[in-house]
Amino acid sequence: AELKQNHSKMPHGGFVIRSGKTGVDEET
């Protein structure tokens, strides 16, 4: 009963993040 009442929906999501450096001395 608790599972049905509180956990019946199926949301999700997330992130892909690329952290990079550019510039002569990787300053950017």
mmCIF file of all heavy atoms, coordinates in Angstrom:
data_MODEL
# 
_entry.id   MODEL 
# 
loop_
_atom_site.group_PDB 
_atom_site.id 
_atom_site.type_symbol 
_atom_site.label_atom_id 
_atom_site.label_alt_id 
_atom_site.label_comp_id 
_atom_site.label_asym_id 
_atom_site.label_entity_id 
_atom_site.label_seq_id 
_atom_site.pdbx_PDB_ins_code 
_atom_site.Cartn_x 
_atom_site.Cartn_y 
_atom_site.Cartn_z 
_atom_site.occupancy 
_atom_site.B_iso_or_equiv 
_atom_site.pdbx_formal_charge 
_atom_site.auth_seq_id 
_atom_site.auth_comp_id 
_atom_site.auth_asym_id 
_atom_site.auth_atom_id 
_atom_site.pdbx_PDB_model_num 
ATOM 1   N N   . ALA A 1 1  ? 0.825  -1.208 0.000   1.00 0.00 ? 1  ALA A N   1 
ATOM 2   C CA  . ALA A 1 1  ? 0.000  0.000  0.000   1.00 0.00 ? 1  ALA A CA  1 
ATOM 3   C C   . ALA A 1 1  ? 0.859  1.257  0.000   1.00 0.00 ? 1  ALA A C   1 
ATOM 4   O O   . ALA A 1 1  ? 0.563  2.232  -0.713  1.00 0.00 ? 1  ALA A O   1 
ATOM 5   C CB  . ALA A 1 1  ? -0.931 -0.009 1.217   1.00 0.00 ? 1  ALA A CB  1 
ATOM 6   N N   . GLU A 1 2  ? 1.935  1.256  0.782   1.00 0.00 ? 2  GLU A N   1 
ATOM 7   C CA  . GLU A 1 2  ? 2.844  2.410  0.813   1.00 0.00 ? 2  GLU A CA  1 
ATOM 8   C C   . GLU A 1 2  ? 3.518  2.609  -0.542  1.00 0.00 ? 2  GLU A C   1 
ATOM 9   O O   . GLU A 1 2  ? 3.684  3.733  -1.006  1.00 0.00 ? 2  GLU A O   1 
ATOM 10  C CB  . GLU A 1 2  ? 3.910  2.212  1.888   1.00 0.00 ? 2  GLU A CB  1 
ATOM 11  C CG  . GLU A 1 2  ? 3.405  2.347  3.315   1.00 0.00 ? 2  GLU A CG  1 
ATOM 12  C CD  . GLU A 1 2  ? 4.490  2.020  4.325   1.00 0.00 ? 2  GLU A CD  1 
ATOM 13  O OE1 . GLU A 1 2  ? 5.019  0.899  4.299   1.00 0.00 ? 2  GLU A OE1 1 
ATOM 14  O OE2 . GLU A 1 2  ? 4.812  2.910  5.141   1.00 0.00 ? 2  GLU A OE2 1 
ATOM 15  N N   . LEU A 1 3  ? 3.914  1.514  -1.172  1.00 0.00 ? 3  LEU A N   1 
ATOM 16  C CA  . LEU A 1 3  ? 4.564  1.612  -2.484  1.00 0.00 ? 3  LEU A CA  1 
ATOM 17  C C   . LEU A 1 3  ? 3.607  2.220  -3.506  1.00 0.00 ? 3  LEU A C   1 
ATOM 18  O O   . LEU A 1 3  ? 3.976  3.108  -4.276  1.00 0.00 ? 3  LEU A O   1 
ATOM 19  C CB  . LEU A 1 3  ? 5.029  0.230  -2.949  1.00 0.00 ? 3  LEU A CB  1 
ATOM 20  C CG  . LEU A 1 3  ? 5.932  0.237  -4.182  1.00 0.00 ? 3  LEU A CG  1 
ATOM 21  C CD1 . LEU A 1 3  ? 7.341  0.669  -3.803  1.00 0.00 ? 3  LEU A CD1 1 
ATOM 22  C CD2 . LEU A 1 3  ? 5.961  -1.135 -4.843  1.00 0.00 ? 3  LEU A CD2 1 
ATOM 23  N N   . LYS A 1 4  ? 2.370  1.741  -3.489  1.00 0.00 ? 4  LYS A N   1 
ATOM 24  C CA  . LYS A 1 4  ? 1.380  2.236  -4.448  1.00 0.00 ? 4  LYS A CA  1 
ATOM 25  C C   . LYS A 1 4  ? 1.062  3.706  -4.202  1.00 0.00 ? 4  LYS A C   1 
ATOM 26  O O   . LYS A 1 4  ? 0.937  4.501  -5.134  1.00 0.00 ? 4  LYS A O   1 
ATOM 27  C CB  . LYS A 1 4  ? 0.106  1.395  -4.351  1.00 0.00 ? 4  LYS A CB  1 
ATOM 28  C CG  . LYS A 1 4  ? -0.954 1.774  -5.367  1.00 0.00 ? 4  LYS A CG  1 
ATOM 29  C CD  . LYS A 1 4  ? -2.153 0.839  -5.282  1.00 0.00 ? 4  LYS A CD  1 
ATOM 30  C CE  . LYS A 1 4  ? -3.202 1.217  -6.313  1.00 0.00 ? 4  LYS A CE  1 
ATOM 31  N NZ  . LYS A 1 4  ? -4.387 0.314  -6.247  1.00 0.00 ? 4  LYS A NZ  1 
ATOM 32  N N   . GLN A 1 5  ? 0.940  4.095  -2.935  1.00 0.00 ? 5  GLN A N   1 
ATOM 33  C CA  . GLN A 1 5  ? 0.560  5.470  -2.606  1.00 0.00 ? 5  GLN A CA  1 
ATOM 34  C C   . GLN A 1 5  ? 1.685  6.473  -2.856  1.00 0.00 ? 5  GLN A C   1 
ATOM 35  O O   . GLN A 1 5  ? 1.457  7.561  -3.375  1.00 0.00 ? 5  GLN A O   1 
ATOM 36  C CB  . GLN A 1 5  ? 0.123  5.553  -1.145  1.00 0.00 ? 5  GLN A CB  1 
ATOM 37  C CG  . GLN A 1 5  ? -0.285 6.968  -0.721  1.00 0.00 ? 5  GLN A CG  1 
ATOM 38  C CD  . GLN A 1 5  ? -0.776 7.022  0.722   1.00 0.00 ? 5  GLN A CD  1 
ATOM 39  O OE1 . GLN A 1 5  ? -1.087 5.990  1.314   1.00 0.00 ? 5  GLN A OE1 1 
ATOM 40  N NE2 . GLN A 1 5  ? -0.836 8.219  1.292   1.00 0.00 ? 5  GLN A NE2 1 
ATOM 41  N N   . ASN A 1 6  ? 2.921  6.093  -2.518  1.00 0.00 ? 6  ASN A N   1 
ATOM 42  C CA  . ASN A 1 6  ? 4.024  7.060  -2.519  1.00 0.00 ? 6  ASN A CA  1 
ATOM 43  C C   . ASN A 1 6  ? 5.028  6.901  -3.646  1.00 0.00 ? 6  ASN A C   1 
ATOM 44  O O   . ASN A 1 6  ? 5.842  7.803  -3.874  1.00 0.00 ? 6  ASN A O   1 
ATOM 45  C CB  . ASN A 1 6  ? 4.769  6.973  -1.178  1.00 0.00 ? 6  ASN A CB  1 
ATOM 46  C CG  . ASN A 1 6  ? 3.879  7.258  -0.001  1.00 0.00 ? 6  ASN A CG  1 
ATOM 47  O OD1 . ASN A 1 6  ? 2.990  8.108  -0.060  1.00 0.00 ? 6  ASN A OD1 1 
ATOM 48  N ND2 . ASN A 1 6  ? 4.088  6.542  1.096   1.00 0.00 ? 6  ASN A ND2 1 
ATOM 49  N N   . HIS A 1 7  ? 4.986  5.776  -4.361  1.00 0.00 ? 7  HIS A N   1 
ATOM 50  C CA  . HIS A 1 7  ? 6.045  5.508  -5.332  1.00 0.00 ? 7  HIS A CA  1 
ATOM 51  C C   . HIS A 1 7  ? 5.503  4.949  -6.657  1.00 0.00 ? 7  HIS A C   1 
ATOM 52  O O   . HIS A 1 7  ? 6.175  4.165  -7.326  1.00 0.00 ? 7  HIS A O   1 
ATOM 53  C CB  . HIS A 1 7  ? 7.072  4.539  -4.737  1.00 0.00 ? 7  HIS A CB  1 
ATOM 54  C CG  . HIS A 1 7  ? 7.615  4.973  -3.426  1.00 0.00 ? 7  HIS A CG  1 
ATOM 55  N ND1 . HIS A 1 7  ? 8.544  5.994  -3.297  1.00 0.00 ? 7  HIS A ND1 1 
ATOM 56  C CD2 . HIS A 1 7  ? 7.333  4.556  -2.157  1.00 0.00 ? 7  HIS A CD2 1 
ATOM 57  C CE1 . HIS A 1 7  ? 8.819  6.170  -2.016  1.00 0.00 ? 7  HIS A CE1 1 
ATOM 58  N NE2 . HIS A 1 7  ? 8.099  5.318  -1.302  1.00 0.00 ? 7  HIS A NE2 1 
ATOM 59  N N   . SER A 1 8  ? 4.303  5.360  -7.045  1.00 0.00 ? 8  SER A N   1 
ATOM 60  C CA  . SER A 1 8  ? 3.700  4.826  -8.265  1.00 0.00 ? 8  SER A CA  1 
ATOM 61  C C   . SER A 1 8  ? 4.071  5.621  -9.520  1.00 0.00 ? 8  SER A C   1 
ATOM 62  O O   . SER A 1 8  ? 3.906  5.128  -10.636 1.00 0.00 ? 8  SER A O   1 
ATOM 63  C CB  . SER A 1 8  ? 2.171  4.776  -8.124  1.00 0.00 ? 8  SER A CB  1 
ATOM 64  O OG  . SER A 1 8  ? 1.654  6.077  -7.884  1.00 0.00 ? 8  SER A OG  1 
ATOM 65  N N   . LYS A 1 9  ? 4.560  6.849  -9.341  1.00 0.00 ? 9  LYS A N   1 
ATOM 66  C CA  . LYS A 1 9  ? 4.958  7.644  -10.500 1.00 0.00 ? 9  LYS A CA  1 
ATOM 67  C C   . LYS A 1 9  ? 6.396  7.308  -10.892 1.00 0.00 ? 9  LYS A C   1 
ATOM 68  O O   . LYS A 1 9  ? 7.145  6.731  -10.100 1.00 0.00 ? 9  LYS A O   1 
ATOM 69  C CB  . LYS A 1 9  ? 4.814  9.131  -10.197 1.00 0.00 ? 9  LYS A CB  1 
ATOM 70  C CG  . LYS A 1 9  ? 3.374  9.563  -9.972  1.00 0.00 ? 9  LYS A CG  1 
ATOM 71  C CD  . LYS A 1 9  ? 3.268  11.059 -9.738  1.00 0.00 ? 9  LYS A CD  1 
ATOM 72  C CE  . LYS A 1 9  ? 1.812  11.472 -9.543  1.00 0.00 ? 9  LYS A CE  1 
ATOM 73  N NZ  . LYS A 1 9  ? 1.668  12.944 -9.315  1.00 0.00 ? 9  LYS A NZ  1 
ATOM 74  N N   . MET A 1 10 ? 6.776  7.670  -12.120 1.00 0.00 ? 10 MET A N   1 
ATOM 75  C CA  . MET A 1 10 ? 8.094  7.289  -12.612 1.00 0.00 ? 10 MET A CA  1 
ATOM 76  C C   . MET A 1 10 ? 8.847  8.482  -13.202 1.00 0.00 ? 10 MET A C   1 
ATOM 77  O O   . MET A 1 10 ? 9.150  8.529  -14.395 1.00 0.00 ? 10 MET A O   1 
ATOM 78  C CB  . MET A 1 10 ? 7.965  6.174  -13.644 1.00 0.00 ? 10 MET A CB  1 
ATOM 79  C CG  . MET A 1 10 ? 7.302  4.922  -13.092 1.00 0.00 ? 10 MET A CG  1 
ATOM 80  S SD  . MET A 1 10 ? 7.484  3.501  -14.151 1.00 0.00 ? 10 MET A SD  1 
ATOM 81  C CE  . MET A 1 10 ? 9.216  3.117  -13.913 1.00 0.00 ? 10 MET A CE  1 
ATOM 82  N N   . PRO A 1 11 ? 9.160  9.478  -12.375 1.00 0.00 ? 11 PRO A N   1 
ATOM 83  C CA  . PRO A 1 11 ? 9.948  10.623 -12.850 1.00 0.00 ? 11 PRO A CA  1 
ATOM 84  C C   . PRO A 1 11 ? 11.418 10.238 -12.997 1.00 0.00 ? 11 PRO A C   1 
ATOM 85  O O   . PRO A 1 11 ? 11.882 9.256  -12.414 1.00 0.00 ? 11 PRO A O   1 
ATOM 86  C CB  . PRO A 1 11 ? 9.766  11.646 -11.732 1.00 0.00 ? 11 PRO A CB  1 
ATOM 87  C CG  . PRO A 1 11 ? 9.640  10.796 -10.497 1.00 0.00 ? 11 PRO A CG  1 
ATOM 88  C CD  . PRO A 1 11 ? 8.855  9.581  -10.929 1.00 0.00 ? 11 PRO A CD  1 
ATOM 89  N N   . HIS A 1 12 ? 12.138 10.997 -13.759 1.00 0.00 ? 12 HIS A N   1 
ATOM 90  C CA  . HIS A 1 12 ? 13.595 10.814 -13.839 1.00 0.00 ? 12 HIS A CA  1 
ATOM 91  C C   . HIS A 1 12 ? 14.205 12.022 -14.531 1.00 0.00 ? 12 HIS A C   1 
ATOM 92  O O   . HIS A 1 12 ? 13.521 12.986 -14.855 1.00 0.00 ? 12 HIS A O   1 
ATOM 93  C CB  . HIS A 1 12 ? 13.968 9.523  -14.558 1.00 0.00 ? 12 HIS A CB  1 
ATOM 94  C CG  . HIS A 1 12 ? 15.190 8.858  -13.969 1.00 0.00 ? 12 HIS A CG  1 
ATOM 95  N ND1 . HIS A 1 12 ? 16.214 9.547  -13.374 1.00 0.00 ? 12 HIS A ND1 1 
ATOM 96  C CD2 . HIS A 1 12 ? 15.538 7.551  -13.885 1.00 0.00 ? 12 HIS A CD2 1 
ATOM 97  C CE1 . HIS A 1 12 ? 17.129 8.705  -12.945 1.00 0.00 ? 12 HIS A CE1 1 
ATOM 98  N NE2 . HIS A 1 12 ? 16.757 7.482  -13.242 1.00 0.00 ? 12 HIS A NE2 1 
ATOM 99  N N   . GLY A 1 13 ? 15.489 11.956 -14.791 1.00 0.00 ? 13 GLY A N   1 
ATOM 100 C CA  . GLY A 1 13 ? 16.192 13.038 -15.449 1.00 0.00 ? 13 GLY A CA  1 
ATOM 101 C C   . GLY A 1 13 ? 17.661 12.959 -15.137 1.00 0.00 ? 13 GLY A C   1 
ATOM 102 O O   . GLY A 1 13 ? 18.155 11.950 -14.629 1.00 0.00 ? 13 GLY A O   1 
ATOM 103 N N   . GLY A 1 14 ? 18.362 14.038 -15.454 1.00 0.00 ? 14 GLY A N   1 
ATOM 104 C CA  . GLY A 1 14 ? 19.777 14.055 -15.158 1.00 0.00 ? 14 GLY A CA  1 
ATOM 105 C C   . GLY A 1 14 ? 20.521 15.091 -15.964 1.00 0.00 ? 14 GLY A C   1 
ATOM 106 O O   . GLY A 1 14 ? 19.915 15.912 -16.669 1.00 0.00 ? 14 GLY A O   1 
ATOM 107 N N   . PHE A 1 15 ? 21.856 15.037 -15.867 1.00 0.00 ? 15 PHE A N   1 
ATOM 108 C CA  . PHE A 1 15 ? 22.718 16.035 -16.500 1.00 0.00 ? 15 PHE A CA  1 
ATOM 109 C C   . PHE A 1 15 ? 23.934 15.350 -17.114 1.00 0.00 ? 15 PHE A C   1 
ATOM 110 O O   . PHE A 1 15 ? 24.483 14.408 -16.538 1.00 0.00 ? 15 PHE A O   1 
ATOM 111 C CB  . PHE A 1 15 ? 23.240 17.040 -15.464 1.00 0.00 ? 15 PHE A CB  1 
ATOM 112 C CG  . PHE A 1 15 ? 22.201 17.603 -14.539 1.00 0.00 ? 15 PHE A CG  1 
ATOM 113 C CD1 . PHE A 1 15 ? 21.841 16.929 -13.378 1.00 0.00 ? 15 PHE A CD1 1 
ATOM 114 C CD2 . PHE A 1 15 ? 21.590 18.813 -14.815 1.00 0.00 ? 15 PHE A CD2 1 
ATOM 115 C CE1 . PHE A 1 15 ? 20.892 17.442 -12.514 1.00 0.00 ? 15 PHE A CE1 1 
ATOM 116 C CE2 . PHE A 1 15 ? 20.640 19.339 -13.965 1.00 0.00 ? 15 PHE A CE2 1 
ATOM 117 C CZ  . PHE A 1 15 ? 20.288 18.663 -12.817 1.00 0.00 ? 15 PHE A CZ  1 
ATOM 118 N N   . VAL A 1 16 ? 24.354 15.843 -18.274 1.00 0.00 ? 16 VAL A N   1 
ATOM 119 C CA  . VAL A 1 16 ? 25.689 15.556 -18.786 1.00 0.00 ? 16 VAL A CA  1 
ATOM 120 C C   . VAL A 1 16 ? 26.418 16.895 -18.832 1.00 0.00 ? 16 VAL A C   1 
ATOM 121 O O   . VAL A 1 16 ? 25.934 17.852 -19.447 1.00 0.00 ? 16 VAL A O   1 
ATOM 122 C CB  . VAL A 1 16 ? 25.662 14.939 -20.193 1.00 0.00 ? 16 VAL A CB  1 
ATOM 123 C CG1 . VAL A 1 16 ? 27.076 14.827 -20.752 1.00 0.00 ? 16 VAL A CG1 1 
ATOM 124 C CG2 . VAL A 1 16 ? 25.016 13.561 -20.157 1.00 0.00 ? 16 VAL A CG2 1 
ATOM 125 N N   . ILE A 1 17 ? 27.548 16.967 -18.163 1.00 0.00 ? 17 ILE A N   1 
ATOM 126 C CA  . ILE A 1 17 ? 28.312 18.216 -18.095 1.00 0.00 ? 17 ILE A CA  1 
ATOM 127 C C   . ILE A 1 17 ? 29.732 17.950 -18.583 1.00 0.00 ? 17 ILE A C   1 
ATOM 128 O O   . ILE A 1 17 ? 30.406 17.028 -18.099 1.00 0.00 ? 17 ILE A O   1 
ATOM 129 C CB  . ILE A 1 17 ? 28.354 18.773 -16.656 1.00 0.00 ? 17 ILE A CB  1 
ATOM 130 C CG1 . ILE A 1 17 ? 26.936 18.934 -16.095 1.00 0.00 ? 17 ILE A CG1 1 
ATOM 131 C CG2 . ILE A 1 17 ? 29.095 20.113 -16.630 1.00 0.00 ? 17 ILE A CG2 1 
ATOM 132 C CD1 . ILE A 1 17 ? 26.896 19.314 -14.624 1.00 0.00 ? 17 ILE A CD1 1 
ATOM 133 N N   . ARG A 1 18 ? 30.183 18.753 -19.542 1.00 0.00 ? 18 ARG A N   1 
ATOM 134 C CA  . ARG A 1 18 ? 31.582 18.709 -19.987 1.00 0.00 ? 18 ARG A CA  1 
ATOM 135 C C   . ARG A 1 18 ? 32.257 19.987 -19.522 1.00 0.00 ? 18 ARG A C   1 
ATOM 136 O O   . ARG A 1 18 ? 31.832 21.099 -19.862 1.00 0.00 ? 18 ARG A O   1 
ATOM 137 C CB  . ARG A 1 18 ? 31.661 18.611 -21.509 1.00 0.00 ? 18 ARG A CB  1 
ATOM 138 C CG  . ARG A 1 18 ? 33.097 18.586 -22.077 1.00 0.00 ? 18 ARG A CG  1 
ATOM 139 C CD  . ARG A 1 18 ? 33.788 17.280 -21.818 1.00 0.00 ? 18 ARG A CD  1 
ATOM 140 N NE  . ARG A 1 18 ? 35.128 17.241 -22.429 1.00 0.00 ? 18 ARG A NE  1 
ATOM 141 C CZ  . ARG A 1 18 ? 35.968 16.229 -22.310 1.00 0.00 ? 18 ARG A CZ  1 
ATOM 142 N NH1 . ARG A 1 18 ? 35.608 15.152 -21.623 1.00 0.00 ? 18 ARG A NH1 1 
ATOM 143 N NH2 . ARG A 1 18 ? 37.162 16.252 -22.882 1.00 0.00 ? 18 ARG A NH2 1 
ATOM 144 N N   . SER A 1 19 ? 33.280 19.818 -18.705 1.00 0.00 ? 19 SER A N   1 
ATOM 145 C CA  . SER A 1 19 ? 34.036 20.955 -18.196 1.00 0.00 ? 19 SER A CA  1 
ATOM 146 C C   . SER A 1 19 ? 35.382 20.966 -18.896 1.00 0.00 ? 19 SER A C   1 
ATOM 147 O O   . SER A 1 19 ? 36.182 20.037 -18.726 1.00 0.00 ? 19 SER A O   1 
ATOM 148 C CB  . SER A 1 19 ? 34.212 20.830 -16.681 1.00 0.00 ? 19 SER A CB  1 
ATOM 149 O OG  . SER A 1 19 ? 34.995 21.877 -16.176 1.00 0.00 ? 19 SER A OG  1 
ATOM 150 N N   . GLY A 1 20 ? 35.620 21.996 -19.720 1.00 0.00 ? 20 GLY A N   1 
ATOM 151 C CA  . GLY A 1 20 ? 36.837 22.031 -20.518 1.00 0.00 ? 20 GLY A CA  1 
ATOM 152 C C   . GLY A 1 20 ? 37.633 23.302 -20.353 1.00 0.00 ? 20 GLY A C   1 
ATOM 153 O O   . GLY A 1 20 ? 37.142 24.304 -19.800 1.00 0.00 ? 20 GLY A O   1 
ATOM 154 N N   . LYS A 1 21 ? 38.853 23.268 -20.828 1.00 0.00 ? 21 LYS A N   1 
ATOM 155 C CA  . LYS A 1 21 ? 39.752 24.418 -20.793 1.00 0.00 ? 21 LYS A CA  1 
ATOM 156 C C   . LYS A 1 21 ? 40.212 24.740 -22.210 1.00 0.00 ? 21 LYS A C   1 
ATOM 157 O O   . LYS A 1 21 ? 40.535 23.849 -22.999 1.00 0.00 ? 21 LYS A O   1 
ATOM 158 C CB  . LYS A 1 21 ? 40.987 24.116 -19.945 1.00 0.00 ? 21 LYS A CB  1 
ATOM 159 C CG  . LYS A 1 21 ? 40.698 23.743 -18.491 1.00 0.00 ? 21 LYS A CG  1 
ATOM 160 C CD  . LYS A 1 21 ? 40.389 24.961 -17.650 1.00 0.00 ? 21 LYS A CD  1 
ATOM 161 C CE  . LYS A 1 21 ? 40.303 24.593 -16.172 1.00 0.00 ? 21 LYS A CE  1 
ATOM 162 N NZ  . LYS A 1 21 ? 40.026 25.774 -15.327 1.00 0.00 ? 21 LYS A NZ  1 
ATOM 163 N N   . THR A 1 22 ? 40.228 26.034 -22.537 1.00 0.00 ? 22 THR A N   1 
ATOM 164 C CA  . THR A 1 22 ? 40.794 26.495 -23.803 1.00 0.00 ? 22 THR A CA  1 
ATOM 165 C C   . THR A 1 22 ? 41.763 27.645 -23.503 1.00 0.00 ? 22 THR A C   1 
ATOM 166 O O   . THR A 1 22 ? 41.880 28.093 -22.365 1.00 0.00 ? 22 THR A O   1 
ATOM 167 C CB  . THR A 1 22 ? 39.694 26.974 -24.772 1.00 0.00 ? 22 THR A CB  1 
ATOM 168 O OG1 . THR A 1 22 ? 38.960 28.051 -24.165 1.00 0.00 ? 22 THR A OG1 1 
ATOM 169 C CG2 . THR A 1 22 ? 38.734 25.849 -25.135 1.00 0.00 ? 22 THR A CG2 1 
ATOM 170 N N   . GLY A 1 23 ? 42.420 28.115 -24.554 1.00 0.00 ? 23 GLY A N   1 
ATOM 171 C CA  . GLY A 1 23 ? 43.379 29.209 -24.372 1.00 0.00 ? 23 GLY A CA  1 
ATOM 172 C C   . GLY A 1 23 ? 44.803 28.703 -24.325 1.00 0.00 ? 23 GLY A C   1 
ATOM 173 O O   . GLY A 1 23 ? 45.068 27.516 -24.079 1.00 0.00 ? 23 GLY A O   1 
ATOM 174 N N   . VAL A 1 24 ? 45.758 29.615 -24.532 1.00 0.00 ? 24 VAL A N   1 
ATOM 175 C CA  . VAL A 1 24 ? 47.182 29.262 -24.589 1.00 0.00 ? 24 VAL A CA  1 
ATOM 176 C C   . VAL A 1 24 ? 47.633 28.573 -23.306 1.00 0.00 ? 24 VAL A C   1 
ATOM 177 O O   . VAL A 1 24 ? 48.353 27.572 -23.327 1.00 0.00 ? 24 VAL A O   1 
ATOM 178 C CB  . VAL A 1 24 ? 48.034 30.524 -24.848 1.00 0.00 ? 24 VAL A CB  1 
ATOM 179 C CG1 . VAL A 1 24 ? 49.520 30.186 -24.785 1.00 0.00 ? 24 VAL A CG1 1 
ATOM 180 C CG2 . VAL A 1 24 ? 47.681 31.135 -26.193 1.00 0.00 ? 24 VAL A CG2 1 
ATOM 181 N N   . ASP A 1 25 ? 47.204 29.100 -22.174 1.00 0.00 ? 25 ASP A N   1 
ATOM 182 C CA  . ASP A 1 25 ? 47.624 28.545 -20.888 1.00 0.00 ? 25 ASP A CA  1 
ATOM 183 C C   . ASP A 1 25 ? 46.462 27.871 -20.142 1.00 0.00 ? 25 ASP A C   1 
ATOM 184 O O   . ASP A 1 25 ? 46.453 27.807 -18.914 1.00 0.00 ? 25 ASP A O   1 
ATOM 185 C CB  . ASP A 1 25 ? 48.223 29.660 -20.020 1.00 0.00 ? 25 ASP A CB  1 
ATOM 186 C CG  . ASP A 1 25 ? 49.472 30.268 -20.625 1.00 0.00 ? 25 ASP A CG  1 
ATOM 187 O OD1 . ASP A 1 25 ? 50.343 29.486 -21.064 1.00 0.00 ? 25 ASP A OD1 1 
ATOM 188 O OD2 . ASP A 1 25 ? 49.565 31.510 -20.670 1.00 0.00 ? 25 ASP A OD2 1 
ATOM 189 N N   . GLU A 1 26 ? 45.479 27.417 -20.911 1.00 0.00 ? 26 GLU A N   1 
ATOM 190 C CA  . GLU A 1 26 ? 44.291 26.761 -20.326 1.00 0.00 ? 26 GLU A CA  1 
ATOM 191 C C   . GLU A 1 26 ? 43.612 27.668 -19.302 1.00 0.00 ? 26 GLU A C   1 
ATOM 192 O O   . GLU A 1 26 ? 43.116 27.226 -18.266 1.00 0.00 ? 26 GLU A O   1 
ATOM 193 C CB  . GLU A 1 26 ? 44.664 25.427 -19.670 1.00 0.00 ? 26 GLU A CB  1 
ATOM 194 C CG  . GLU A 1 26 ? 45.298 24.429 -20.621 1.00 0.00 ? 26 GLU A CG  1 
ATOM 195 C CD  . GLU A 1 26 ? 45.567 23.080 -19.972 1.00 0.00 ? 26 GLU A CD  1 
ATOM 196 O OE1 . GLU A 1 26 ? 45.170 22.883 -18.815 1.00 0.00 ? 26 GLU A OE1 1 
ATOM 197 O OE2 . GLU A 1 26 ? 46.183 22.221 -20.623 1.00 0.00 ? 26 GLU A OE2 1 
ATOM 198 N N   . GLU A 1 27 ? 43.569 28.961 -19.627 1.00 0.00 ? 27 GLU A N   1 
ATOM 199 C CA  . GLU A 1 27 ? 43.045 29.930 -18.657 1.00 0.00 ? 27 GLU A CA  1 
ATOM 200 C C   . GLU A 1 27 ? 41.536 30.154 -18.773 1.00 0.00 ? 27 GLU A C   1 
ATOM 201 O O   . GLU A 1 27 ? 40.938 30.822 -17.924 1.00 0.00 ? 27 GLU A O   1 
ATOM 202 C CB  . GLU A 1 27 ? 43.769 31.278 -18.830 1.00 0.00 ? 27 GLU A CB  1 
ATOM 203 C CG  . GLU A 1 27 ? 43.418 32.047 -20.112 1.00 0.00 ? 27 GLU A CG  1 
ATOM 204 C CD  . GLU A 1 27 ? 44.217 31.622 -21.338 1.00 0.00 ? 27 GLU A CD  1 
ATOM 205 O OE1 . GLU A 1 27 ? 44.862 30.551 -21.267 1.00 0.00 ? 27 GLU A OE1 1 
ATOM 206 O OE2 . GLU A 1 27 ? 44.186 32.342 -22.346 1.00 0.00 ? 27 GLU A OE2 1 
ATOM 207 N N   . THR A 1 28 ? 40.924 29.580 -19.809 1.00 0.00 ? 28 THR A N   1 
ATOM 208 C CA  . THR A 1 28 ? 39.509 29.856 -20.062 1.00 0.00 ? 28 THR A CA  1 
ATOM 209 C C   . THR A 1 28 ? 38.663 28.625 -19.738 1.00 0.00 ? 28 THR A C   1 
ATOM 210 O O   . THR A 1 28 ? 38.886 27.541 -20.288 1.00 0.00 ? 28 THR A O   1 
ATOM 211 C CB  . THR A 1 28 ? 39.276 30.245 -21.534 1.00 0.00 ? 28 THR A CB  1 
ATOM 212 O OG1 . THR A 1 28 ? 40.177 31.300 -21.886 1.00 0.00 ? 28 THR A OG1 1 
ATOM 213 C CG2 . THR A 1 28 ? 37.843 30.703 -21.754 1.00 0.00 ? 28 THR A CG2 1 
# 
